[in-house]
Amino acid sequence: MKPICPSCHQEIPVEDVNLHTGLGRCRYCNEIFEIPELVEHIKKIQVAPASEVPKAPPVKPADSRIRLIRKNDKMLIDVPPWGLNGPAVGILLFSLFWLGFVAFWTAGALGLFFHPGQFPKWENIAFALFSIPFWLVGLALFGGALAGMFSRRIVYLDSSWLESRWKCLFVSFRKRISRENVQMARAASEPFFKTDSGGQSRPWFGVEIVYTKGKIKIPCESEAEQNWLLAEINQFLETVPFRPDYLSEGFTQARELLEETRSEP
């Protein structure tokens, strides 16, 4: 069906129709008008690619330390410790210097350099008490450095349970939540900042697995790693539903997954 000019009602030849804008020009009366059918078709073509083409899922960054293992209805997330090569080494060295200086000052305040072998006087003890806040700061820095260098976070998910374990040297914390109470995974509310080995502050991101009355936070080193881990966890939660009759052994199965991946070539 050829378009008709709304002013003079003459047929408009095809060469007088702009297929990109949906406008026609009448060569008889020079009227320029929209062709409704053509305009609607152009809009459909422009909108369809954006809505129909699915986005590619985020991929794991090449420099990510996180190990994610998924086999059938089980998922294991392993965040290994930094070790001696991590950014916490600079904080550890600074905390040792800080504690050494505070110890030297405290010893001087107690009069140990001036009266060796004698019990400090009460005024010296009172003066040395001012060093307590500085001891607390130094110990907090030292503990944080050790946690960054030697702490390990393992999160295990299956049809029945969500289990989390945090371990640093000889200290270990474990939490077990029914999958029935697990809601979703989300990005941390805002990036938190840490200092690297060069003394520069940079944002560290995180993923929160939300359950009833709580959340488990998994640290990430970049926004790309956060998006990848977030997509993997939510995809698991959507495709593996809660099964109350599923017999889960929790971290026993988590250890089996770790051993299997270590033995694979």
C-alpha atoms as a PDB file:
ATOM      1  CA  MET A   1       0.000   0.000   0.000  1.00  0.00           C
ATOM      2  CA  LYS A   2       1.434   3.314  -1.136  1.00  0.00           C
ATOM      3  CA  PRO A   3       1.375   6.276   1.282  1.00  0.00           C
ATOM      4  CA  ILE A   4      -1.100   9.056   0.584  1.00  0.00           C
ATOM      5  CA  CYS A   5      -0.437  12.762   1.148  1.00  0.00           C
ATOM      6  CA  PRO A   6      -2.802  14.006   3.889  1.00  0.00           C
ATOM      7  CA  SER A   7      -3.092  17.457   2.198  1.00  0.00           C
ATOM      8  CA  CYS A   8      -3.694  16.790  -1.509  1.00  0.00           C
ATOM      9  CA  HIS A   9      -4.422  13.030  -1.299  1.00  0.00           C
ATOM     10  CA  GLN A  10      -1.902  12.167  -3.970  1.00  0.00           C
ATOM     11  CA  GLU A  11       0.064   8.926  -3.890  1.00  0.00           C
ATOM     12  CA  ILE A  12       3.669   9.327  -2.731  1.00  0.00           C
ATOM     13  CA  PRO A  13       6.300   7.492  -4.774  1.00  0.00           C
ATOM     14  CA  VAL A  14       8.719   5.225  -2.881  1.00  0.00           C
ATOM     15  CA  GLU A  15      11.701   7.421  -3.713  1.00  0.00           C
ATOM     16  CA  ASP A  16      10.060  10.292  -1.779  1.00  0.00           C
ATOM     17  CA  VAL A  17       9.905   8.282   1.458  1.00  0.00           C
ATOM     18  CA  ASN A  18      12.766   8.351   3.991  1.00  0.00           C
ATOM     19  CA  LEU A  19      13.024   4.821   5.357  1.00  0.00           C
ATOM     20  CA  HIS A  20      15.256   5.921   8.270  1.00  0.00           C
ATOM     21  CA  THR A  21      12.973   8.628   9.706  1.00  0.00           C
ATOM     22  CA  GLY A  22       9.542   7.479   8.487  1.00  0.00           C
ATOM     23  CA  LEU A  23       8.863  10.842   6.776  1.00  0.00           C
ATOM     24  CA  GLY A  24       7.377  11.349   3.328  1.00  0.00           C
ATOM     25  CA  ARG A  25       7.404  14.397   1.013  1.00  0.00           C
ATOM     26  CA  CYS A  26       4.694  15.161  -1.441  1.00  0.00           C
ATOM     27  CA  ARG A  27       6.150  16.439  -4.706  1.00  0.00           C
ATOM     28  CA  TYR A  28       2.820  18.016  -5.646  1.00  0.00           C
ATOM     29  CA  CYS A  29       2.218  20.276  -2.614  1.00  0.00           C
ATOM     30  CA  ASN A  30       5.607  19.944  -0.837  1.00  0.00           C
ATOM     31  CA  GLU A  31       3.887  18.651   2.326  1.00  0.00           C
ATOM     32  CA  ILE A  32       6.186  16.743   4.695  1.00  0.00           C
ATOM     33  CA  PHE A  33       4.413  14.266   6.952  1.00  0.00           C
ATOM     34  CA  GLU A  34       4.944  11.130   9.048  1.00  0.00           C
ATOM     35  CA  ILE A  35       3.890   7.701   7.785  1.00  0.00           C
ATOM     36  CA  PRO A  36       2.521   6.048  10.977  1.00  0.00           C
ATOM     37  CA  GLU A  37       3.056   2.429   9.891  1.00  0.00           C
ATOM     38  CA  LEU A  38       6.660   3.094   8.924  1.00  0.00           C
ATOM     39  CA  VAL A  39       7.432   5.110  12.098  1.00  0.00           C
ATOM     40  CA  GLU A  40       6.062   2.308  14.304  1.00  0.00           C
ATOM     41  CA  HIS A  41       8.138  -0.281  12.443  1.00  0.00           C
ATOM     42  CA  ILE A  42      11.314   1.795  12.877  1.00  0.00           C
ATOM     43  CA  LYS A  43      10.700   2.108  16.632  1.00  0.00           C
ATOM     44  CA  LYS A  44      10.341  -1.672  16.965  1.00  0.00           C
ATOM     45  CA  ILE A  45      13.621  -2.241  15.144  1.00  0.00           C
ATOM     46  CA  GLN A  46      15.429   0.275  17.379  1.00  0.00           C
ATOM     47  CA  VAL A  47      14.067  -1.150  20.660  1.00  0.00           C
ATOM     48  CA  ALA A  48      14.291  -4.875  19.911  1.00  0.00           C
ATOM     49  CA  PRO A  49      18.104  -5.360  20.026  1.00  0.00           C
ATOM     50  CA  ALA A  50      18.479  -3.700  23.456  1.00  0.00           C
ATOM     51  CA  SER A  51      15.727  -5.792  25.045  1.00  0.00           C
ATOM     52  CA  GLU A  52      16.218  -9.130  23.294  1.00  0.00           C
ATOM     53  CA  VAL A  53      19.984  -9.539  23.362  1.00  0.00           C
ATOM     54  CA  PRO A  54      20.942 -11.021  26.764  1.00  0.00           C
ATOM     55  CA  LYS A  55      23.887  -9.627  28.654  1.00  0.00           C
ATOM     56  CA  ALA A  56      26.927 -11.833  28.961  1.00  0.00           C
ATOM     57  CA  PRO A  57      27.445 -13.083  32.532  1.00  0.00           C
ATOM     58  CA  PRO A  58      30.405 -11.604  34.411  1.00  0.00           C
ATOM     59  CA  VAL A  59      33.586 -13.644  34.177  1.00  0.00           C
ATOM     60  CA  LYS A  60      36.186 -14.306  36.842  1.00  0.00           C
ATOM     61  CA  PRO A  61      39.047 -11.769  36.735  1.00  0.00           C
ATOM     62  CA  ALA A  62      42.418 -13.248  35.845  1.00  0.00           C
ATOM     63  CA  ASP A  63      44.040 -11.918  39.031  1.00  0.00           C
ATOM     64  CA  SER A  64      41.331 -13.194  41.404  1.00  0.00           C
ATOM     65  CA  ARG A  65      42.528 -15.247  44.391  1.00  0.00           C
ATOM     66  CA  ILE A  66      39.079 -16.637  45.162  1.00  0.00           C
ATOM     67  CA  ARG A  67      38.489 -20.297  44.347  1.00  0.00           C
ATOM     68  CA  LEU A  68      34.910 -21.144  43.454  1.00  0.00           C
ATOM     69  CA  ILE A  69      34.027 -24.813  43.075  1.00  0.00           C
ATOM     70  CA  ARG A  70      30.580 -25.960  41.994  1.00  0.00           C
ATOM     71  CA  LYS A  71      29.541 -29.555  41.472  1.00  0.00           C
ATOM     72  CA  ASN A  72      25.856 -30.302  40.967  1.00  0.00           C
ATOM     73  CA  ASP A  73      24.028 -28.973  44.045  1.00  0.00           C
ATOM     74  CA  LYS A  74      27.135 -27.990  46.016  1.00  0.00           C
ATOM     75  CA  MET A  75      29.175 -24.791  45.942  1.00  0.00           C
ATOM     76  CA  LEU A  76      32.377 -23.933  47.767  1.00  0.00           C
ATOM     77  CA  ILE A  77      33.943 -20.464  47.974  1.00  0.00           C
ATOM     78  CA  ASP A  78      37.506 -20.384  49.268  1.00  0.00           C
ATOM     79  CA  VAL A  79      39.234 -17.064  50.011  1.00  0.00           C
ATOM     80  CA  PRO A  80      42.857 -18.026  50.825  1.00  0.00           C
ATOM     81  CA  PRO A  81      45.167 -15.946  53.046  1.00  0.00           C
ATOM     82  CA  TRP A  82      47.471 -13.346  51.557  1.00  0.00           C
ATOM     83  CA  GLY A  83      50.576 -14.777  53.199  1.00  0.00           C
ATOM     84  CA  LEU A  84      53.816 -12.816  53.320  1.00  0.00           C
ATOM     85  CA  ASN A  85      53.253 -11.321  49.865  1.00  0.00           C
ATOM     86  CA  GLY A  86      50.057  -9.491  50.703  1.00  0.00           C
ATOM     87  CA  PRO A  87      49.418  -5.797  51.394  1.00  0.00           C
ATOM     88  CA  ALA A  88      49.233  -6.483  55.137  1.00  0.00           C
ATOM     89  CA  VAL A  89      53.031  -6.832  55.365  1.00  0.00           C
ATOM     90  CA  GLY A  90      53.458  -3.044  55.415  1.00  0.00           C
ATOM     91  CA  ILE A  91      50.889  -2.733  58.198  1.00  0.00           C
ATOM     92  CA  LEU A  92      52.647  -5.475  60.169  1.00  0.00           C
ATOM     93  CA  LEU A  93      56.004  -3.705  59.964  1.00  0.00           C
ATOM     94  CA  PHE A  94      54.452  -0.395  60.959  1.00  0.00           C
ATOM     95  CA  SER A  95      52.621  -1.998  63.911  1.00  0.00           C
ATOM     96  CA  LEU A  96      55.882  -3.550  65.161  1.00  0.00           C
ATOM     97  CA  PHE A  97      57.595  -0.170  64.973  1.00  0.00           C
ATOM     98  CA  TRP A  98      54.623   1.443  66.750  1.00  0.00           C
ATOM     99  CA  LEU A  99      54.582  -1.139  69.557  1.00  0.00           C
ATOM    100  CA  GLY A 100      58.343  -0.876  69.973  1.00  0.00           C
ATOM    101  CA  PHE A 101      58.161   2.880  70.361  1.00  0.00           C
ATOM    102  CA  VAL A 102      55.243   2.638  72.825  1.00  0.00           C
ATOM    103  CA  ALA A 103      57.140   0.018  74.839  1.00  0.00           C
ATOM    104  CA  PHE A 104      60.213   2.295  74.980  1.00  0.00           C
ATOM    105  CA  TRP A 105      58.064   5.244  76.103  1.00  0.00           C
ATOM    106  CA  THR A 106      56.238   3.158  78.721  1.00  0.00           C
ATOM    107  CA  ALA A 107      59.498   1.862  80.131  1.00  0.00           C
ATOM    108  CA  GLY A 108      60.758   5.434  80.398  1.00  0.00           C
ATOM    109  CA  ALA A 109      57.547   6.576  82.072  1.00  0.00           C
ATOM    110  CA  LEU A 110      57.895   3.808  84.663  1.00  0.00           C
ATOM    111  CA  GLY A 111      61.468   4.912  85.389  1.00  0.00           C
ATOM    112  CA  LEU A 112      62.987   1.572  84.440  1.00  0.00           C
ATOM    113  CA  PHE A 113      65.941   3.287  82.749  1.00  0.00           C
ATOM    114  CA  PHE A 114      66.728   5.495  85.745  1.00  0.00           C
ATOM    115  CA  HIS A 115      66.049   3.095  88.609  1.00  0.00           C
ATOM    116  CA  PRO A 116      66.664  -0.432  87.278  1.00  0.00           C
ATOM    117  CA  GLY A 117      65.703  -3.245  89.607  1.00  0.00           C
ATOM    118  CA  GLN A 118      63.357  -1.067  91.683  1.00  0.00           C
ATOM    119  CA  PHE A 119      59.574  -1.235  91.753  1.00  0.00           C
ATOM    120  CA  PRO A 120      58.107   1.832  89.949  1.00  0.00           C
ATOM    121  CA  LYS A 121      56.665   4.591  92.070  1.00  0.00           C
ATOM    122  CA  TRP A 122      52.947   5.259  91.994  1.00  0.00           C
ATOM    123  CA  GLU A 123      53.374   8.538  90.116  1.00  0.00           C
ATOM    124  CA  ASN A 124      55.378   6.693  87.449  1.00  0.00           C
ATOM    125  CA  ILE A 125      52.640   4.091  87.152  1.00  0.00           C
ATOM    126  CA  ALA A 126      49.985   6.789  86.832  1.00  0.00           C
ATOM    127  CA  PHE A 127      52.028   8.514  84.114  1.00  0.00           C
ATOM    128  CA  ALA A 128      52.551   5.219  82.247  1.00  0.00           C
ATOM    129  CA  LEU A 129      48.790   4.597  82.157  1.00  0.00           C
ATOM    130  CA  PHE A 130      48.530   7.298  79.482  1.00  0.00           C
ATOM    131  CA  SER A 131      50.137   4.826  77.092  1.00  0.00           C
ATOM    132  CA  ILE A 132      47.176   2.402  77.226  1.00  0.00           C
ATOM    133  CA  PRO A 133      45.317   3.906  74.199  1.00  0.00           C
ATOM    134  CA  PHE A 134      48.528   3.724  72.149  1.00  0.00           C
ATOM    135  CA  TRP A 135      49.003   0.079  73.153  1.00  0.00           C
ATOM    136  CA  LEU A 136      45.458  -0.664  72.035  1.00  0.00           C
ATOM    137  CA  VAL A 137      46.004   1.027  68.652  1.00  0.00           C
ATOM    138  CA  GLY A 138      49.252  -0.862  68.095  1.00  0.00           C
ATOM    139  CA  LEU A 139      47.731  -4.199  69.059  1.00  0.00           C
ATOM    140  CA  ALA A 140      44.763  -3.548  66.770  1.00  0.00           C
ATOM    141  CA  LEU A 141      47.110  -2.821  63.863  1.00  0.00           C
ATOM    142  CA  PHE A 142      49.144  -5.918  64.653  1.00  0.00           C
ATOM    143  CA  GLY A 143      46.037  -8.119  64.883  1.00  0.00           C
ATOM    144  CA  GLY A 144      44.625  -6.704  61.672  1.00  0.00           C
ATOM    145  CA  ALA A 145      47.882  -7.366  59.846  1.00  0.00           C
ATOM    146  CA  LEU A 146      47.958 -10.973  61.073  1.00  0.00           C
ATOM    147  CA  ALA A 147      44.332 -11.420  60.035  1.00  0.00           C
ATOM    148  CA  GLY A 148      45.098 -10.131  56.551  1.00  0.00           C
ATOM    149  CA  MET A 149      48.140 -12.355  56.152  1.00  0.00           C
ATOM    150  CA  PHE A 150      46.884 -15.617  57.663  1.00  0.00           C
ATOM    151  CA  SER A 151      43.058 -15.520  57.753  1.00  0.00           C
ATOM    152  CA  ARG A 152      41.056 -17.777  55.477  1.00  0.00           C
ATOM    153  CA  ARG A 153      37.343 -17.635  54.690  1.00  0.00           C
ATOM    154  CA  ILE A 154      35.452 -20.705  53.427  1.00  0.00           C
ATOM    155  CA  VAL A 155      31.756 -20.591  52.524  1.00  0.00           C
ATOM    156  CA  TYR A 156      29.875 -23.769  51.644  1.00  0.00           C
ATOM    157  CA  LEU A 157      26.379 -23.982  50.115  1.00  0.00           C
ATOM    158  CA  ASP A 158      24.119 -26.894  49.270  1.00  0.00           C
ATOM    159  CA  SER A 159      20.381 -27.644  49.225  1.00  0.00           C
ATOM    160  CA  SER A 160      20.155 -27.771  52.986  1.00  0.00           C
ATOM    161  CA  TRP A 161      22.758 -25.514  54.637  1.00  0.00           C
ATOM    162  CA  LEU A 162      24.885 -22.413  54.341  1.00  0.00           C
ATOM    163  CA  GLU A 163      28.085 -22.757  56.359  1.00  0.00           C
ATOM    164  CA  SER A 164      30.843 -20.235  56.889  1.00  0.00           C
ATOM    165  CA  ARG A 165      34.218 -20.699  58.541  1.00  0.00           C
ATOM    166  CA  TRP A 166      36.839 -18.049  59.303  1.00  0.00           C
ATOM    167  CA  LYS A 167      40.240 -19.215  60.528  1.00  0.00           C
ATOM    168  CA  CYS A 168      43.390 -17.317  61.427  1.00  0.00           C
ATOM    169  CA  LEU A 169      46.302 -19.251  62.902  1.00  0.00           C
ATOM    170  CA  PHE A 170      44.815 -21.013  65.959  1.00  0.00           C
ATOM    171  CA  VAL A 171      41.560 -19.032  66.067  1.00  0.00           C
ATOM    172  CA  SER A 172      38.496 -20.306  64.215  1.00  0.00           C
ATOM    173  CA  PHE A 173      34.848 -19.222  63.964  1.00  0.00           C
ATOM    174  CA  ARG A 174      32.094 -21.271  62.369  1.00  0.00           C
ATOM    175  CA  LYS A 175      28.488 -20.435  61.502  1.00  0.00           C
ATOM    176  CA  ARG A 176      25.755 -22.684  60.118  1.00  0.00           C
ATOM    177  CA  ILE A 177      22.451 -21.397  58.700  1.00  0.00           C
ATOM    178  CA  SER A 178      19.566 -23.309  57.186  1.00  0.00           C
ATOM    179  CA  ARG A 179      19.098 -22.670  53.454  1.00  0.00           C
ATOM    180  CA  GLU A 180      15.476 -21.935  54.253  1.00  0.00           C
ATOM    181  CA  ASN A 181      16.600 -18.666  55.849  1.00  0.00           C
ATOM    182  CA  VAL A 182      19.022 -17.653  53.081  1.00  0.00           C
ATOM    183  CA  GLN A 183      17.529 -14.867  50.982  1.00  0.00           C
ATOM    184  CA  MET A 184      20.030 -13.623  48.398  1.00  0.00           C
ATOM    185  CA  ALA A 185      23.507 -12.316  47.715  1.00  0.00           C
ATOM    186  CA  ARG A 186      24.080  -8.606  47.241  1.00  0.00           C
ATOM    187  CA  ALA A 187      26.935  -6.180  46.827  1.00  0.00           C
ATOM    188  CA  ALA A 188      28.275  -4.663  50.018  1.00  0.00           C
ATOM    189  CA  SER A 189      26.521  -1.434  50.904  1.00  0.00           C
ATOM    190  CA  GLU A 190      29.654   0.579  50.097  1.00  0.00           C
ATOM    191  CA  PRO A 191      33.345  -0.146  49.378  1.00  0.00           C
ATOM    192  CA  PHE A 192      35.564  -0.224  52.427  1.00  0.00           C
ATOM    193  CA  PHE A 193      39.122   1.075  52.237  1.00  0.00           C
ATOM    194  CA  LYS A 194      42.326  -0.704  53.147  1.00  0.00           C
ATOM    195  CA  THR A 195      45.956   0.281  52.909  1.00  0.00           C
ATOM    196  CA  ASP A 196      48.207  -1.696  50.596  1.00  0.00           C
ATOM    197  CA  SER A 197      51.904  -2.416  51.003  1.00  0.00           C
ATOM    198  CA  GLY A 198      52.781   0.900  49.354  1.00  0.00           C
ATOM    199  CA  GLY A 199      50.824   2.879  51.929  1.00  0.00           C
ATOM    200  CA  GLN A 200      48.080   3.792  49.454  1.00  0.00           C
ATOM    201  CA  SER A 201      44.395   3.539  50.365  1.00  0.00           C
ATOM    202  CA  ARG A 202      42.322   1.724  47.790  1.00  0.00           C
ATOM    203  CA  PRO A 203      38.746   0.427  47.859  1.00  0.00           C
ATOM    204  CA  TRP A 204      38.061  -3.204  48.595  1.00  0.00           C
ATOM    205  CA  PHE A 205      34.651  -4.531  47.653  1.00  0.00           C
ATOM    206  CA  GLY A 206      32.593  -7.318  49.116  1.00  0.00           C
ATOM    207  CA  VAL A 207      29.638  -9.644  48.634  1.00  0.00           C
ATOM    208  CA  GLU A 208      27.064 -10.173  51.374  1.00  0.00           C
ATOM    209  CA  ILE A 209      25.040 -13.381  51.601  1.00  0.00           C
ATOM    210  CA  VAL A 210      21.896 -12.231  53.390  1.00  0.00           C
ATOM    211  CA  TYR A 211      19.933 -14.534  55.676  1.00  0.00           C
ATOM    212  CA  THR A 212      17.300 -13.934  58.348  1.00  0.00           C
ATOM    213  CA  LYS A 213      18.731 -11.561  60.976  1.00  0.00           C
ATOM    214  CA  GLY A 214      22.244 -11.544  59.578  1.00  0.00           C
ATOM    215  CA  LYS A 215      24.691 -11.653  56.694  1.00  0.00           C
ATOM    216  CA  ILE A 216      27.990 -13.269  55.758  1.00  0.00           C
ATOM    217  CA  LYS A 217      30.504 -10.993  54.061  1.00  0.00           C
ATOM    218  CA  ILE A 218      33.049 -12.231  51.535  1.00  0.00           C
ATOM    219  CA  PRO A 219      35.807  -9.718  50.723  1.00  0.00           C
ATOM    220  CA  CYS A 220      36.637  -8.948  47.094  1.00  0.00           C
ATOM    221  CA  GLU A 221      39.563  -7.027  45.675  1.00  0.00           C
ATOM    222  CA  SER A 222      37.825  -5.344  42.735  1.00  0.00           C
ATOM    223  CA  GLU A 223      34.397  -4.469  41.432  1.00  0.00           C
ATOM    224  CA  ALA A 224      34.821  -7.005  38.616  1.00  0.00           C
ATOM    225  CA  GLU A 225      35.494  -9.781  41.132  1.00  0.00           C
ATOM    226  CA  GLN A 226      32.499  -8.631  43.185  1.00  0.00           C
ATOM    227  CA  ASN A 227      30.169  -8.740  40.158  1.00  0.00           C
ATOM    228  CA  TRP A 228      31.412 -12.194  39.131  1.00  0.00           C
ATOM    229  CA  LEU A 229      31.009 -13.692  42.610  1.00  0.00           C
ATOM    230  CA  LEU A 230      27.622 -12.034  43.060  1.00  0.00           C
ATOM    231  CA  ALA A 231      26.316 -13.526  39.813  1.00  0.00           C
ATOM    232  CA  GLU A 232      27.625 -17.011  40.666  1.00  0.00           C
ATOM    233  CA  ILE A 233      26.059 -17.104  44.144  1.00  0.00           C
ATOM    234  CA  ASN A 234      22.671 -15.767  43.049  1.00  0.00           C
ATOM    235  CA  GLN A 235      22.584 -18.155  40.110  1.00  0.00           C
ATOM    236  CA  PHE A 236      23.238 -21.040  42.503  1.00  0.00           C
ATOM    237  CA  LEU A 237      20.526 -19.887  44.910  1.00  0.00           C
ATOM    238  CA  GLU A 238      18.023 -19.628  42.059  1.00  0.00           C
ATOM    239  CA  THR A 239      18.778 -22.999  40.462  1.00  0.00           C
ATOM    240  CA  VAL A 240      19.347 -25.075  43.623  1.00  0.00           C
ATOM    241  CA  PRO A 241      16.244 -24.722  45.828  1.00  0.00           C
ATOM    242  CA  PHE A 242      15.998 -25.518  49.516  1.00  0.00           C
ATOM    243  CA  ARG A 243      15.343 -29.194  50.243  1.00  0.00           C
ATOM    244  CA  PRO A 244      14.528 -30.022  53.883  1.00  0.00           C
ATOM    245  CA  ASP A 245      14.993 -33.746  53.243  1.00  0.00           C
ATOM    246  CA  TYR A 246      18.528 -33.306  51.868  1.00  0.00           C
ATOM    247  CA  LEU A 247      21.143 -34.920  54.120  1.00  0.00           C
ATOM    248  CA  SER A 248      24.110 -32.585  54.306  1.00  0.00           C
ATOM    249  CA  GLU A 249      27.380 -33.126  56.124  1.00  0.00           C
ATOM    250  CA  GLY A 250      28.452 -29.531  55.696  1.00  0.00           C
ATOM    251  CA  PHE A 251      32.180 -28.990  55.887  1.00  0.00           C
ATOM    252  CA  THR A 252      32.896 -32.693  55.483  1.00  0.00           C
ATOM    253  CA  GLN A 253      31.638 -32.354  51.924  1.00  0.00           C
ATOM    254  CA  ALA A 254      33.439 -29.023  51.587  1.00  0.00           C
ATOM    255  CA  ARG A 255      36.752 -30.713  52.393  1.00  0.00           C
ATOM    256  CA  GLU A 256      35.949 -33.426  49.858  1.00  0.00           C
ATOM    257  CA  LEU A 257      35.404 -30.796  47.168  1.00  0.00           C
ATOM    258  CA  LEU A 258      38.752 -29.190  48.010  1.00  0.00           C
ATOM    259  CA  GLU A 259      40.562 -32.535  47.876  1.00  0.00           C
ATOM    260  CA  GLU A 260      38.942 -33.414  44.553  1.00  0.00           C
ATOM    261  CA  THR A 261      40.046 -30.176  42.925  1.00  0.00           C
ATOM    262  CA  ARG A 262      43.585 -30.534  44.266  1.00  0.00           C
ATOM    263  CA  SER A 263      43.874 -34.023  42.772  1.00  0.00           C
ATOM    264  CA  GLU A 264      42.545 -32.970  39.369  1.00  0.00           C
ATOM    265  CA  PRO A 265      45.221 -32.321  36.722  1.00  0.00           C
END
